[in-house]
């Protein structure tokens, strides 16, 4: 019995060594694959982080902006460890009525001290109470400085007899034409995920689609 066991061990050693080497090679191979995948992922993440100054963009789609308590939301985010700065914009689609155009447009509102204002070029200063047309917008040349336009905005009225949404009209003079950079454009038009995808794939900035802003 002892001699049989000794033979089995001796014979098993010849099989065990190649098997051990094959397992070792397989583990080494898959480790290299995983390390390569990690390197590719790290490179893609690095491209994303260096391509845009915005790390996180969050939206409240489907919410009427007249119902949002944005100051409280910003305060909560600012308290998170590692957050350097927080900013917000209000984006709403409204009906535009002017002497030349009647159409749906996207209106962007900034805080008066917003850090994003530095990304808006074309005028020395954005004045409160004036509307500025993005230079690449459809029919941008039809807006004349000083012309009054009317915006129809669906507004939440909680203190009326019957709480609900009602149209309110805002009359603003046109302050001029401006241009916003690609980062800000991708955010205000809801295309930030597309920008990140193109960066991750190593492609250049996507061409802007037709828009009214």
Protein backbone atom coordinates (compact mmCIF):
# COMPACT_ATOMS: atom_id res chain seq x y z
CA UNK A 1 0.00 0.00 0.00
CA UNK A 2 2.81 2.39 0.88
CA UNK A 3 4.68 1.64 -2.33
CA UNK A 4 1.49 2.24 -4.36
CA UNK A 5 0.99 5.60 -2.68
CA UNK A 6 4.59 6.54 -3.34
CA UNK A 7 4.17 5.68 -7.03
CA UNK A 8 0.98 7.80 -7.23
CA UNK A 9 2.76 10.78 -5.68
CA UNK A 10 5.76 10.38 -7.97
CA UNK A 11 3.54 10.03 -11.05
CA UNK A 12 1.34 12.90 -9.92
CA UNK A 13 4.32 15.23 -9.70
CA UNK A 14 4.95 14.90 -13.42
CA UNK A 15 1.35 15.93 -14.12
CA UNK A 16 1.17 18.56 -11.39
CA UNK A 17 4.13 20.64 -12.56
CA UNK A 18 2.78 21.29 -16.12
CA UNK A 19 -0.69 21.89 -14.67
CA UNK A 20 0.71 24.37 -12.15
CA UNK A 21 2.66 26.17 -14.86
CA UNK A 22 -0.41 26.40 -17.12
CA UNK A 23 -2.51 27.83 -14.28
CA UNK A 24 0.26 30.30 -13.48
CA UNK A 25 0.47 31.37 -17.12
CA UNK A 26 -3.32 31.73 -17.31
CA UNK A 27 -3.42 33.85 -14.16
CA UNK A 28 -0.56 36.00 -15.47
CA UNK A 29 -2.34 36.43 -18.81
CA UNK A 30 -5.63 37.51 -17.28
CA UNK A 31 -3.82 39.80 -14.84
CA UNK A 32 -2.18 41.51 -17.81
CA UNK A 33 -5.57 41.84 -19.51
CA UNK A 34 -7.08 43.41 -16.39
CA UNK A 35 -4.12 45.75 -15.98
CA UNK A 36 -4.46 46.79 -19.61
CA UNK A 37 -8.19 47.43 -19.15
CA UNK A 38 -7.47 49.47 -16.03
CA UNK A 39 -4.89 51.52 -17.93
CA UNK A 40 -7.33 52.20 -20.78
CA UNK A 41 -10.08 53.13 -18.32
CA UNK A 42 -7.75 55.43 -16.40
CA UNK A 43 -6.67 57.13 -19.64
CA UNK A 44 -10.31 57.67 -20.68
CA UNK A 45 -11.19 59.06 -17.26
CA UNK A 46 -8.18 61.37 -17.37
CA UNK A 47 -9.28 62.69 -20.78
CA UNK A 48 -12.75 63.41 -19.43
CA UNK A 49 -11.47 65.19 -16.31
CA UNK A 50 -9.05 67.35 -18.29
CA UNK A 51 -11.47 68.12 -21.14
CA UNK A 52 -14.04 69.92 -18.98
CA UNK A 53 -13.96 71.96 -15.81
CA UNK A 54 -17.33 70.50 -14.84
CA UNK A 55 -16.99 67.22 -12.94
CA UNK A 56 -20.68 66.64 -12.20
CA UNK A 57 -23.73 68.08 -13.95
CA UNK A 58 -27.09 67.36 -12.35
CA UNK A 59 -30.48 68.33 -13.71
CA UNK A 60 -34.03 68.42 -12.44
CA UNK A 61 -35.76 67.38 -15.65
CA UNK A 62 -39.52 67.39 -15.57
CA UNK A 63 -39.66 69.93 -12.75
CA UNK A 64 -41.02 73.41 -13.28
CA UNK A 65 -38.32 75.88 -12.26
CA UNK A 66 -40.83 78.00 -10.32
CA UNK A 67 -41.18 75.06 -7.88
CA UNK A 68 -37.49 74.48 -7.19
CA UNK A 69 -35.76 75.43 -3.92
CA UNK A 70 -32.39 75.69 -5.66
CA UNK A 71 -30.58 77.56 -2.87
CA UNK A 72 -31.14 74.69 -0.44
CA UNK A 73 -29.98 72.15 -3.03
CA UNK A 74 -26.78 74.12 -3.66
CA UNK A 75 -26.10 74.46 0.06
CA UNK A 76 -26.40 70.69 0.56
CA UNK A 77 -24.04 69.92 -2.32
CA UNK A 78 -21.52 72.52 -1.15
CA UNK A 79 -21.33 70.74 2.22
CA UNK A 80 -20.06 67.53 0.61
CA UNK A 81 -16.36 66.97 1.30
CA UNK A 82 -14.16 67.66 -1.71
CA UNK A 83 -16.57 69.97 -3.51
CA UNK A 84 -14.74 73.14 -4.55
CA UNK A 85 -17.58 75.16 -6.04
CA UNK A 86 -21.22 74.83 -7.00
CA UNK A 87 -23.17 76.89 -9.49
CA UNK A 88 -26.54 76.66 -11.12
CA UNK A 89 -28.53 77.89 -14.06
CA UNK A 90 -32.22 77.85 -14.82
CA UNK A 91 -33.17 76.46 -18.21
CA UNK A 92 -36.72 76.60 -19.48
CA UNK A 93 -38.41 76.30 -22.84
CA UNK A 94 -40.81 79.17 -23.47
CA UNK A 95 -42.85 80.68 -26.26
CA UNK A 96 -41.24 83.71 -27.88
CA UNK A 97 -43.25 86.49 -29.50
CA UNK A 98 -41.47 89.27 -31.36
CA UNK A 99 -42.02 91.35 -34.46
CA UNK A 100 -40.17 88.77 -36.58
CA UNK A 101 -40.33 85.44 -34.74
CA UNK A 102 -42.95 83.31 -33.03
CA UNK A 103 -41.37 80.07 -31.85
CA UNK A 104 -40.31 77.95 -28.90
CA UNK A 105 -36.88 78.87 -27.55
CA UNK A 106 -34.62 77.85 -24.67
CA UNK A 107 -34.08 80.58 -22.10
CA UNK A 108 -31.09 80.41 -19.75
CA UNK A 109 -30.98 82.47 -16.56
CA UNK A 110 -27.78 83.02 -14.56
CA UNK A 111 -27.21 84.35 -11.07
CA UNK A 112 -25.81 87.88 -11.04
CA UNK A 113 -22.58 86.60 -9.43
CA UNK A 114 -22.39 83.32 -11.35
CA UNK A 115 -18.91 82.02 -12.16
CA UNK A 116 -20.32 80.83 -15.49
CA UNK A 117 -20.70 84.38 -16.80
CA UNK A 118 -17.03 84.37 -17.75
CA UNK A 119 -17.88 81.82 -20.44
CA UNK A 120 -20.22 84.27 -22.17
CA UNK A 121 -18.45 86.45 -24.74
CA UNK A 122 -19.53 89.20 -27.10
CA UNK A 123 -20.58 91.99 -24.77
CA UNK A 124 -18.68 93.85 -22.08
CA UNK A 125 -21.26 93.02 -19.45
CA UNK A 126 -24.59 91.22 -19.25
CA UNK A 127 -27.18 93.64 -17.92
CA UNK A 128 -29.99 92.45 -15.69
CA UNK A 129 -33.43 92.67 -17.24
CA UNK A 130 -32.21 92.22 -20.82
CA UNK A 131 -32.32 89.26 -23.19
CA UNK A 132 -29.21 88.19 -25.10
CA UNK A 133 -29.32 85.97 -28.18
CA UNK A 134 -26.70 83.24 -28.70
CA UNK A 135 -24.98 84.09 -31.98
CA UNK A 136 -25.34 80.60 -33.45
CA UNK A 137 -29.10 80.41 -32.86
CA UNK A 138 -31.54 80.09 -35.72
CA UNK A 139 -32.76 83.53 -36.84
CA UNK A 140 -30.25 85.21 -34.49
CA UNK A 141 -29.78 88.02 -37.02
CA UNK A 142 -33.50 88.83 -36.85
CA UNK A 143 -33.17 90.17 -33.30
CA UNK A 144 -32.36 93.86 -33.10
CA UNK A 145 -30.75 95.53 -30.10
CA UNK A 146 -33.36 97.45 -28.12
CA UNK A 147 -36.26 95.51 -29.63
CA UNK A 148 -38.79 94.27 -27.08
CA UNK A 149 -39.63 90.58 -27.03
CA UNK A 150 -42.32 88.77 -25.06
CA UNK A 151 -41.75 85.44 -23.32
CA UNK A 152 -44.68 83.26 -22.31
CA UNK A 153 -43.69 81.27 -19.20
CA UNK A 154 -45.80 78.60 -17.50
CA UNK A 155 -45.64 79.56 -13.81
CA UNK A 156 -46.64 77.68 -10.66
CA UNK A 157 -49.02 79.74 -8.53
CA UNK A 158 -49.47 78.05 -5.14
CA UNK A 159 -51.39 80.91 -3.52
CA UNK A 160 -54.12 81.39 -6.11
CA UNK A 161 -57.68 80.21 -5.46
CA UNK A 162 -56.91 77.01 -7.35
CA UNK A 163 -53.19 76.15 -7.15
CA UNK A 164 -51.68 75.27 -10.50
CA UNK A 165 -49.78 76.49 -13.54
CA UNK A 166 -50.79 79.61 -15.39
CA UNK A 167 -49.08 81.49 -18.23
CA UNK A 168 -47.24 84.65 -17.31
CA UNK A 169 -45.76 87.09 -19.82
CA UNK A 170 -42.34 88.68 -19.48
CA UNK A 171 -41.35 91.65 -21.67
CA UNK A 172 -37.62 92.18 -22.19
CA UNK A 173 -35.49 94.36 -24.47
CA UNK A 174 -32.81 92.65 -26.56
CA UNK A 175 -29.36 93.48 -25.18
CA UNK A 176 -27.29 92.07 -28.03
CA UNK A 177 -25.69 88.91 -29.39
CA UNK A 178 -23.31 86.70 -27.38
CA UNK A 179 -21.35 83.48 -27.80
CA UNK A 180 -20.95 80.75 -25.17
CA UNK A 181 -18.14 78.17 -25.11
CA UNK A 182 -18.63 74.49 -25.87
CA UNK A 183 -18.59 73.36 -22.22
CA UNK A 184 -21.36 75.73 -21.23
CA UNK A 185 -23.30 75.06 -24.43
CA UNK A 186 -23.29 71.32 -23.72
CA UNK A 187 -24.64 71.96 -20.22
CA UNK A 188 -27.36 74.48 -21.06
CA UNK A 189 -28.66 72.38 -23.96
CA UNK A 190 -28.59 69.09 -22.04
CA UNK A 191 -25.83 67.64 -24.25
CA UNK A 192 -23.11 67.25 -21.59
CA UNK A 193 -23.24 63.40 -21.69
CA UNK A 194 -22.67 63.55 -25.46
CA UNK A 195 -19.65 65.80 -24.93
CA UNK A 196 -18.16 63.33 -22.45
CA UNK A 197 -18.79 60.41 -24.81
CA UNK A 198 -16.98 62.11 -27.69
CA UNK A 199 -14.06 62.93 -25.38
CA UNK A 200 -13.85 59.34 -24.10
CA UNK A 201 -13.78 58.02 -27.66
CA UNK A 202 -11.04 60.46 -28.57
CA UNK A 203 -13.21 62.39 -31.02
CA UNK A 204 -13.36 66.16 -31.27
CA UNK A 205 -16.29 68.34 -30.19
CA UNK A 206 -19.54 67.43 -31.92
CA UNK A 207 -21.09 69.90 -34.30
CA UNK A 208 -23.82 71.96 -32.68
CA UNK A 209 -27.32 70.98 -33.78
CA UNK A 210 -29.84 73.67 -34.84
CA UNK A 211 -31.05 75.55 -31.77
CA UNK A 212 -32.73 78.70 -30.49
CA UNK A 213 -31.08 80.00 -27.34
